[in-house]
Protein backbone atom coordinates (compact mmCIF):
# COMPACT_ATOMS: atom_id res chain seq x y z
CA MET A 1 122.60 93.74 -79.77
CA ASP A 2 119.90 96.63 -79.52
CA TYR A 3 117.91 96.48 -76.07
CA ARG A 4 116.07 99.74 -76.89
CA ARG A 5 114.17 97.51 -79.92
CA LEU A 6 113.62 94.38 -77.13
CA PHE A 7 112.32 96.69 -74.45
CA LEU A 8 108.66 97.66 -76.26
CA PRO A 9 107.48 94.84 -76.76
CA ALA A 10 108.65 93.35 -73.35
CA LEU A 11 106.72 95.99 -71.69
CA LEU A 12 103.57 95.55 -73.88
CA ILE A 13 104.12 91.55 -72.84
CA LEU A 14 104.33 92.92 -69.30
CA ALA A 15 101.31 95.53 -69.60
CA LEU A 16 98.64 92.60 -70.72
CA ALA A 17 99.93 90.20 -68.24
CA CYS A 18 99.21 93.00 -65.50
CA ALA A 19 95.80 93.46 -67.24
CA GLY A 20 94.95 89.79 -67.34
CA ASN A 21 95.49 89.50 -63.38
CA MET A 22 91.83 91.53 -62.69
CA ALA A 23 89.32 89.41 -63.71
CA ARG A 24 85.87 90.26 -63.77
CA ARG A 25 83.31 89.78 -61.00
CA PRO A 26 82.40 86.20 -60.21
CA ALA A 27 79.25 84.58 -61.28
CA GLY A 28 76.61 85.26 -58.39
CA VAL A 29 78.00 88.11 -57.08
CA THR A 30 76.10 91.30 -57.80
CA PRO A 31 78.25 94.43 -57.89
CA PRO A 32 78.33 96.19 -54.29
CA GLU A 33 76.64 99.57 -54.00
CA ILE A 34 79.30 102.36 -53.86
CA ASP A 35 78.74 106.22 -52.61
CA VAL A 36 82.16 108.18 -52.80
CA ASN A 37 81.72 112.56 -50.93
CA LEU A 38 84.02 114.44 -50.03
CA ALA A 39 83.80 114.69 -46.53
CA ASN A 40 84.43 118.37 -45.98
CA GLU A 41 85.71 121.75 -47.97
CA VAL A 42 89.41 121.52 -48.93
CA PHE A 43 91.22 124.63 -47.61
CA PHE A 44 94.51 125.25 -49.06
CA GLY A 45 95.19 128.36 -47.16
CA SER A 46 98.59 129.55 -48.20
CA SER A 47 99.96 125.92 -49.02
CA ALA A 48 99.83 124.41 -52.57
CA THR A 49 98.60 121.44 -50.43
CA ALA A 50 95.68 120.51 -48.34
CA PRO A 51 94.35 117.41 -46.55
CA ALA A 52 91.33 115.72 -48.60
CA THR A 53 89.14 113.48 -46.65
CA ILE A 54 86.95 111.43 -48.66
CA ASP A 55 84.18 109.26 -47.41
CA ILE A 56 83.87 105.88 -49.19
CA ARG A 57 80.50 103.41 -47.97
CA VAL A 58 80.44 100.01 -49.61
CA THR A 59 77.26 97.81 -49.42
CA ASN A 60 77.41 94.45 -50.03
CA THR A 61 74.58 93.30 -51.99
CA SER A 62 75.22 90.16 -52.69
CA SER A 63 74.64 86.58 -50.93
CA GLN A 64 78.55 85.82 -50.42
CA PRO A 65 80.79 87.95 -48.21
CA ILE A 66 83.25 90.42 -50.57
CA THR A 67 86.53 91.97 -49.32
CA ILE A 68 87.63 95.43 -50.05
CA ARG A 69 91.40 95.13 -51.59
CA ARG A 70 92.41 98.49 -52.39
CA ILE A 71 91.30 101.75 -53.35
CA ASP A 72 92.83 104.47 -55.84
CA VAL A 73 91.97 108.01 -55.89
CA GLU A 74 92.35 110.62 -58.57
CA SER A 75 91.12 113.05 -60.60
CA PRO A 76 92.19 113.44 -63.84
CA GLY A 77 91.89 115.96 -66.33
CA MET A 78 91.80 119.25 -62.97
CA THR A 79 93.59 122.49 -64.15
CA GLU A 80 93.83 124.53 -61.19
CA TRP A 81 93.76 122.05 -58.72
CA GLY A 82 93.01 118.46 -57.80
CA LEU A 83 93.80 115.05 -56.15
CA PRO A 84 96.64 113.29 -57.63
CA ARG A 85 96.81 109.50 -57.58
CA GLN A 86 96.54 107.90 -54.71
CA SER A 87 96.43 104.19 -53.31
CA ARG A 88 95.75 102.63 -49.80
CA VAL A 89 95.81 98.84 -49.17
CA TYR A 90 92.75 97.23 -47.61
CA ASN A 91 91.59 94.31 -46.26
CA GLU A 92 87.68 94.84 -45.31
CA VAL A 93 85.42 92.12 -45.30
CA VAL A 94 81.40 93.63 -45.79
CA ALA A 95 79.23 90.59 -45.47
CA PRO A 96 75.87 89.94 -47.31
CA GLY A 97 73.55 93.00 -46.99
CA GLU A 98 76.89 95.16 -44.84
CA THR A 99 77.57 98.53 -45.31
CA LYS A 100 81.27 99.39 -44.58
CA PRO A 101 82.10 103.02 -43.95
CA ILE A 102 85.34 104.22 -44.96
CA THR A 103 87.81 106.87 -44.52
CA PHE A 104 90.34 107.51 -47.26
CA PHE A 105 92.85 110.38 -46.20
CA ALA A 106 94.10 112.12 -49.45
CA THR A 107 96.28 115.62 -50.43
CA ALA A 108 95.04 117.58 -52.52
CA ARG A 109 97.24 119.64 -54.62
CA THR A 110 97.10 123.36 -56.25
CA THR A 111 98.75 125.36 -58.92
CA THR A 112 96.94 128.84 -58.53
CA SER A 113 96.25 130.81 -55.69
CA ARG A 114 93.06 131.46 -57.32
CA ARG A 115 90.85 128.43 -57.74
CA SER A 116 87.02 128.47 -59.07
CA GLU A 117 86.85 125.09 -60.47
CA PRO A 118 84.75 122.26 -58.51
CA LEU A 119 86.64 119.18 -57.63
CA SER A 120 86.15 116.00 -60.40
CA TYR A 121 87.43 112.84 -59.11
CA GLN A 122 87.28 109.14 -59.65
CA ALA A 123 87.53 106.13 -57.33
CA ARG A 124 88.75 102.62 -58.31
CA VAL A 125 87.37 99.99 -55.65
CA GLU A 126 89.44 96.26 -55.80
CA PHE A 127 87.40 93.72 -54.06
CA GLU A 128 87.89 89.86 -54.19
CA ALA A 129 85.34 87.42 -53.46
CA ALA A 130 85.38 83.16 -53.99
CA GLY A 131 89.06 83.43 -55.01
CA GLN A 132 89.01 86.23 -57.73
CA ARG A 133 89.56 90.04 -57.98
CA TRP A 134 88.01 92.23 -59.86
CA GLN A 135 87.54 96.60 -59.60
CA GLU A 136 84.77 98.53 -59.87
CA PHE A 137 84.57 102.65 -60.80
CA VAL A 138 82.96 105.66 -59.26
CA ARG A 139 83.42 108.87 -61.18
CA VAL A 140 82.21 111.96 -58.92
CA VAL A 141 81.32 115.67 -61.33
CA GLY A 142 81.82 118.81 -59.92
CA THR A 143 81.83 118.65 -55.57
CA ARG A 144 82.60 121.48 -53.24
CA SER A 145 85.45 124.09 -54.63
CA PRO A 146 87.83 125.11 -52.48
CA VAL A 147 88.26 127.50 -49.90
């Protein structure tokens, strides 16, 4: 039996099943406000990696509590430097009307010693409320260049 012929359909079914686990935002829950900013300049020095601190503020605009479950940060499409995909798991409850600050510690990587392109990146925040999980995306374009 040729197992390679079975692999692709099985992989497709698995991908669809995983995608189906993320529901839409529950009815009655308004989208939270999400503010994402690089906290400071990224300094590489003589290394190809550097710490990058990202400040994330989530404001619950809904009338019921929401829980932050996971945050993914990455910078797709960057050529000189960027943030490879990094994830952190959380269990932060945000009460109605509350703003919750979260500090996301990431690592930036570079491929060159002369960097001129500004950082563009995105954050995916996974929430839970009323027994349902959903995600919101924030894209930040053209922030600080590294030192």
